[in-house]
């Protein structure tokens, strides 16, 4: 019920879940299918807004063979 998955501060659980969620959303174009998960979308938005996330984020790209 807190701001983060486990209590009142970000943990590895938050980072891992958000990285996986963002990857799946972008790589599989699932953004339209995330509507049933507003809390997960909100967690991702909170993390993605942090300078630490913004400073290391790269857009997903499909590797060319």
Protein backbone atom coordinates (compact mmCIF):
# COMPACT_ATOMS: atom_id res chain seq x y z
CA UNK A 1 0.00 0.00 0.00
CA UNK A 2 3.08 2.24 0.03
CA UNK A 3 4.66 4.26 -2.72
CA UNK A 4 6.90 1.32 -3.69
CA UNK A 5 6.43 -2.45 -3.88
CA UNK A 6 8.10 -3.13 -0.53
CA UNK A 7 7.57 -0.25 1.87
CA UNK A 8 8.41 3.40 1.59
CA UNK A 9 11.62 3.26 -0.42
CA UNK A 10 12.62 1.87 -3.76
CA UNK A 11 14.21 -1.57 -3.73
CA UNK A 12 15.63 -3.96 -6.29
CA UNK A 13 12.11 -5.37 -6.65
CA UNK A 14 10.84 -2.04 -8.03
CA UNK A 15 13.75 -1.71 -10.44
CA UNK A 16 13.42 -5.27 -11.74
CA UNK A 17 9.65 -5.12 -12.19
CA UNK A 18 9.77 -1.75 -13.96
CA UNK A 19 12.60 -2.81 -16.27
CA UNK A 20 10.74 -5.99 -17.24
CA UNK A 21 7.43 -4.14 -17.63
CA UNK A 22 8.96 -1.40 -19.78
CA UNK A 23 10.83 -3.90 -21.94
CA UNK A 24 7.74 -6.03 -22.54
CA UNK A 25 5.57 -2.99 -23.17
CA UNK A 26 7.97 -1.63 -25.78
CA UNK A 27 9.35 -4.81 -27.34
CA UNK A 28 5.99 -6.48 -27.73
CA UNK A 29 3.95 -3.30 -28.20
CA UNK A 30 1.80 -4.14 -25.18
CA UNK A 31 0.96 -0.59 -24.14
CA UNK A 32 -2.69 -1.02 -25.12
CA UNK A 33 -2.87 -4.18 -23.02
CA UNK A 34 -1.60 -2.60 -19.79
CA UNK A 35 -4.88 -0.83 -18.97
CA UNK A 36 -5.90 -3.49 -16.42
CA UNK A 37 -2.73 -2.72 -14.43
CA UNK A 38 -2.94 0.92 -13.32
CA UNK A 39 -0.76 0.40 -10.23
CA UNK A 40 1.99 -1.19 -12.33
CA UNK A 41 1.78 1.62 -14.88
CA UNK A 42 1.99 4.18 -12.05
CA UNK A 43 5.03 2.44 -10.55
CA UNK A 44 6.73 2.44 -13.94
CA UNK A 45 5.94 6.13 -14.42
CA UNK A 46 7.38 6.98 -10.98
CA UNK A 47 10.59 5.09 -11.68
CA UNK A 48 10.95 6.32 -15.26
CA UNK A 49 10.63 9.92 -14.01
CA UNK A 50 13.69 9.55 -11.77
CA UNK A 51 16.99 11.01 -13.05
CA UNK A 52 18.70 7.65 -12.49
CA UNK A 53 16.30 5.95 -14.89
CA UNK A 54 16.32 8.78 -17.42
CA UNK A 55 20.11 8.90 -17.46
CA UNK A 56 20.48 5.22 -18.34
CA UNK A 57 17.46 4.62 -20.55
CA UNK A 58 17.75 3.83 -24.23
CA UNK A 59 14.85 3.33 -26.59
CA UNK A 60 14.09 -0.24 -27.59
CA UNK A 61 15.18 -1.17 -31.09
CA UNK A 62 14.70 -4.31 -33.11
CA UNK A 63 18.07 -5.81 -33.95
CA UNK A 64 18.66 -6.17 -37.67
CA UNK A 65 20.14 -9.42 -38.95
